[in-house]
Amino acid sequence: MGACLLDWGIILAAAAASWAMFSAAGITVVSVAAYGMAAFVIASRQQGLQNLIHEASHYNLSRHRPWNDFLC
């Protein structure tokens, strides 16, 4: 659960940072670059979440099968 919460926290932080940059600076080269970096970070964490779902589908995420189904 810690890895899942960490991934979601990073996703939310990257999205908030990108939104803050656009709100403060408008559409500039720096804000577009920040958006690109945020998109890359968000995509990498979504891949991490997909890996956790894959492990849950094989009943490897938790020792209890019902928890794997719930988490998946």
N, C-alpha and C. Protein backbone atom coordinates (compact mmCIF):
# COMPACT_ATOMS: atom_id res chain seq x y z
N MET A 1 0.83 -1.20 0.00
CA MET A 1 0.00 0.00 0.00
C MET A 1 0.87 1.25 0.00
N GLY A 2 2.04 1.15 0.63
CA GLY A 2 2.92 2.31 0.68
C GLY A 2 3.37 2.75 -0.70
N ALA A 3 3.68 1.78 -1.57
CA ALA A 3 4.12 2.11 -2.92
C ALA A 3 2.98 2.75 -3.71
N CYS A 4 1.78 2.26 -3.53
CA CYS A 4 0.62 2.83 -4.22
C CYS A 4 0.37 4.27 -3.78
N LEU A 5 0.41 4.49 -2.47
CA LEU A 5 0.19 5.84 -1.95
C LEU A 5 1.31 6.79 -2.38
N LEU A 6 2.54 6.29 -2.40
CA LEU A 6 3.66 7.11 -2.85
C LEU A 6 3.49 7.51 -4.31
N ASP A 7 3.10 6.55 -5.15
CA ASP A 7 2.89 6.85 -6.57
C ASP A 7 1.81 7.92 -6.75
N TRP A 8 0.69 7.77 -6.03
CA TRP A 8 -0.38 8.76 -6.14
C TRP A 8 0.05 10.12 -5.61
N GLY A 9 0.85 10.12 -4.55
CA GLY A 9 1.36 11.38 -4.02
C GLY A 9 2.26 12.10 -5.01
N ILE A 10 3.12 11.35 -5.68
CA ILE A 10 4.00 11.95 -6.69
C ILE A 10 3.19 12.47 -7.87
N ILE A 11 2.18 11.72 -8.29
CA ILE A 11 1.33 12.16 -9.40
C ILE A 11 0.63 13.47 -9.05
N LEU A 12 0.05 13.53 -7.87
CA LEU A 12 -0.65 14.75 -7.45
C LEU A 12 0.30 15.93 -7.29
N ALA A 13 1.49 15.67 -6.76
CA ALA A 13 2.47 16.75 -6.59
C ALA A 13 2.95 17.28 -7.95
N ALA A 14 3.20 16.40 -8.89
CA ALA A 14 3.64 16.84 -10.22
C ALA A 14 2.54 17.64 -10.92
N ALA A 15 1.30 17.18 -10.80
CA ALA A 15 0.19 17.90 -11.42
C ALA A 15 0.01 19.28 -10.77
N ALA A 16 0.12 19.34 -9.45
CA ALA A 16 -0.04 20.62 -8.74
C ALA A 16 1.10 21.57 -9.10
N ALA A 17 2.31 21.06 -9.20
CA ALA A 17 3.45 21.91 -9.55
C ALA A 17 3.29 22.47 -10.96
N SER A 18 2.84 21.64 -11.88
CA SER A 18 2.63 22.10 -13.26
C SER A 18 1.52 23.15 -13.31
N TRP A 19 0.44 22.90 -12.59
CA TRP A 19 -0.67 23.86 -12.55
C TRP A 19 -0.23 25.18 -11.94
N ALA A 20 0.56 25.11 -10.88
CA ALA A 20 1.05 26.33 -10.23
C ALA A 20 1.95 27.13 -11.17
N MET A 21 2.77 26.43 -11.94
CA MET A 21 3.66 27.11 -12.89
C MET A 21 2.84 27.83 -13.96
N PHE A 22 1.83 27.17 -14.50
CA PHE A 22 0.99 27.82 -15.51
C PHE A 22 0.20 28.98 -14.91
N SER A 23 -0.27 28.83 -13.68
CA SER A 23 -1.03 29.90 -13.04
C SER A 23 -0.17 31.12 -12.78
N ALA A 24 1.08 30.90 -12.41
CA ALA A 24 1.97 32.00 -12.07
C ALA A 24 2.58 32.66 -13.30
N ALA A 25 3.00 31.84 -14.27
CA ALA A 25 3.77 32.38 -15.40
C ALA A 25 2.99 32.45 -16.70
N GLY A 26 1.86 31.79 -16.78
CA GLY A 26 1.14 31.74 -18.05
C GLY A 26 1.84 30.77 -18.99
N ILE A 27 1.57 30.92 -20.26
CA ILE A 27 2.17 30.03 -21.24
C ILE A 27 3.51 30.63 -21.68
N THR A 28 4.57 30.07 -21.13
CA THR A 28 5.92 30.47 -21.48
C THR A 28 6.74 29.22 -21.77
N VAL A 29 7.95 29.41 -22.22
CA VAL A 29 8.82 28.28 -22.50
C VAL A 29 9.08 27.48 -21.22
N VAL A 30 9.27 28.19 -20.12
CA VAL A 30 9.54 27.52 -18.84
C VAL A 30 8.32 26.72 -18.38
N SER A 31 7.14 27.29 -18.48
CA SER A 31 5.95 26.58 -18.01
C SER A 31 5.64 25.37 -18.91
N VAL A 32 5.90 25.49 -20.20
CA VAL A 32 5.68 24.35 -21.10
C VAL A 32 6.70 23.26 -20.80
N ALA A 33 7.95 23.64 -20.50
CA ALA A 33 8.96 22.66 -20.12
C ALA A 33 8.58 21.98 -18.81
N ALA A 34 8.06 22.74 -17.86
CA ALA A 34 7.61 22.16 -16.59
C ALA A 34 6.45 21.19 -16.83
N TYR A 35 5.56 21.54 -17.73
CA TYR A 35 4.45 20.65 -18.08
C TYR A 35 4.98 19.35 -18.67
N GLY A 36 5.96 19.46 -19.56
CA GLY A 36 6.56 18.26 -20.17
C GLY A 36 7.21 17.36 -19.13
N MET A 37 7.94 17.96 -18.19
CA MET A 37 8.56 17.16 -17.13
C MET A 37 7.50 16.53 -16.23
N ALA A 38 6.44 17.28 -15.93
CA ALA A 38 5.37 16.73 -15.10
C ALA A 38 4.68 15.57 -15.81
N ALA A 39 4.46 15.71 -17.11
CA ALA A 39 3.83 14.63 -17.88
C ALA A 39 4.70 13.38 -17.86
N PHE A 40 6.01 13.55 -17.97
CA PHE A 40 6.94 12.42 -17.93
C PHE A 40 6.90 11.74 -16.56
N VAL A 41 6.92 12.53 -15.49
CA VAL A 41 6.88 11.98 -14.13
C VAL A 41 5.55 11.26 -13.89
N ILE A 42 4.45 11.87 -14.30
CA ILE A 42 3.13 11.25 -14.11
C ILE A 42 3.03 9.94 -14.88
N ALA A 43 3.54 9.93 -16.11
CA ALA A 43 3.50 8.70 -16.92
C ALA A 43 4.33 7.60 -16.27
N SER A 44 5.49 7.95 -15.72
CA SER A 44 6.32 6.92 -15.09
C SER A 44 5.65 6.35 -13.85
N ARG A 45 4.97 7.17 -13.08
CA ARG A 45 4.27 6.68 -11.88
C ARG A 45 3.04 5.88 -12.25
N GLN A 46 2.39 6.22 -13.37
CA GLN A 46 1.26 5.41 -13.83
C GLN A 46 1.75 4.02 -14.24
N GLN A 47 2.94 3.95 -14.81
CA GLN A 47 3.52 2.65 -15.14
C GLN A 47 3.80 1.87 -13.86
N GLY A 48 4.27 2.56 -12.83
CA GLY A 48 4.48 1.90 -11.54
C GLY A 48 3.19 1.35 -10.96
N LEU A 49 2.10 2.12 -11.07
CA LEU A 49 0.80 1.63 -10.61
C LEU A 49 0.34 0.43 -11.43
N GLN A 50 0.61 0.44 -12.72
CA GLN A 50 0.25 -0.69 -13.57
C GLN A 50 1.03 -1.93 -13.14
N ASN A 51 2.29 -1.77 -12.76
CA ASN A 51 3.08 -2.90 -12.29
C ASN A 51 2.49 -3.48 -11.01
N LEU A 52 2.00 -2.62 -10.12
CA LEU A 52 1.37 -3.11 -8.90
C LEU A 52 0.08 -3.87 -9.21
N ILE A 53 -0.70 -3.38 -10.15
CA ILE A 53 -1.93 -4.08 -10.55
C ILE A 53 -1.60 -5.43 -11.16
N HIS A 54 -0.53 -5.47 -11.95
CA HIS A 54 -0.11 -6.74 -12.56
C HIS A 54 0.27 -7.75 -11.47
N GLU A 55 1.02 -7.30 -10.47
CA GLU A 55 1.38 -8.19 -9.37
C GLU A 55 0.14 -8.67 -8.62
N ALA A 56 -0.82 -7.79 -8.41
CA ALA A 56 -2.05 -8.18 -7.72
C ALA A 56 -2.84 -9.20 -8.53
N SER A 57 -2.82 -9.07 -9.85
CA SER A 57 -3.56 -10.02 -10.68
C SER A 57 -2.97 -11.43 -10.61
N HIS A 58 -1.70 -11.54 -10.26
CA HIS A 58 -1.06 -12.85 -10.08
C HIS A 58 -1.01 -13.25 -8.61
N TYR A 59 -1.73 -12.53 -7.76
CA TYR A 59 -1.80 -12.81 -6.32
C TYR A 59 -0.43 -12.72 -5.65
N ASN A 60 0.40 -11.78 -6.10
CA ASN A 60 1.73 -11.58 -5.52
C ASN A 60 1.84 -10.31 -4.69
N LEU A 61 0.83 -9.48 -4.70
CA LEU A 61 0.91 -8.20 -3.99
C LEU A 61 0.65 -8.37 -2.50
N SER A 62 -0.22 -9.29 -2.16
CA SER A 62 -0.57 -9.53 -0.76
C SER A 62 -0.62 -11.04 -0.53
N ARG A 63 -0.49 -11.43 0.72
CA ARG A 63 -0.58 -12.86 1.05
C ARG A 63 -2.02 -13.36 1.03
N HIS A 64 -2.96 -12.44 1.12
CA HIS A 64 -4.38 -12.80 1.17
C HIS A 64 -5.02 -12.55 -0.18
N ARG A 65 -5.56 -13.61 -0.77
CA ARG A 65 -6.16 -13.51 -2.11
C ARG A 65 -7.26 -12.46 -2.21
N PRO A 66 -8.16 -12.35 -1.25
CA PRO A 66 -9.21 -11.32 -1.37
C PRO A 66 -8.62 -9.90 -1.43
N TRP A 67 -7.54 -9.65 -0.70
CA TRP A 67 -6.90 -8.32 -0.76
C TRP A 67 -6.31 -8.05 -2.13
N ASN A 68 -5.74 -9.08 -2.77
CA ASN A 68 -5.22 -8.90 -4.11
C ASN A 68 -6.33 -8.52 -5.07
N ASP A 69 -7.47 -9.20 -4.95
CA ASP A 69 -8.61 -8.85 -5.81
C ASP A 69 -9.09 -7.42 -5.54
N PHE A 70 -9.16 -7.04 -4.27
CA PHE A 70 -9.61 -5.70 -3.92
C PHE A 70 -8.65 -4.64 -4.43
N LEU A 71 -7.36 -4.87 -4.24
CA LEU A 71 -6.35 -3.89 -4.65
C LEU A 71 -6.24 -3.80 -6.17
N CYS A 72 -6.44 -4.91 -6.83
CA CYS A 72 -6.37 -4.93 -8.28
C CYS A 72 -7.54 -4.19 -8.88
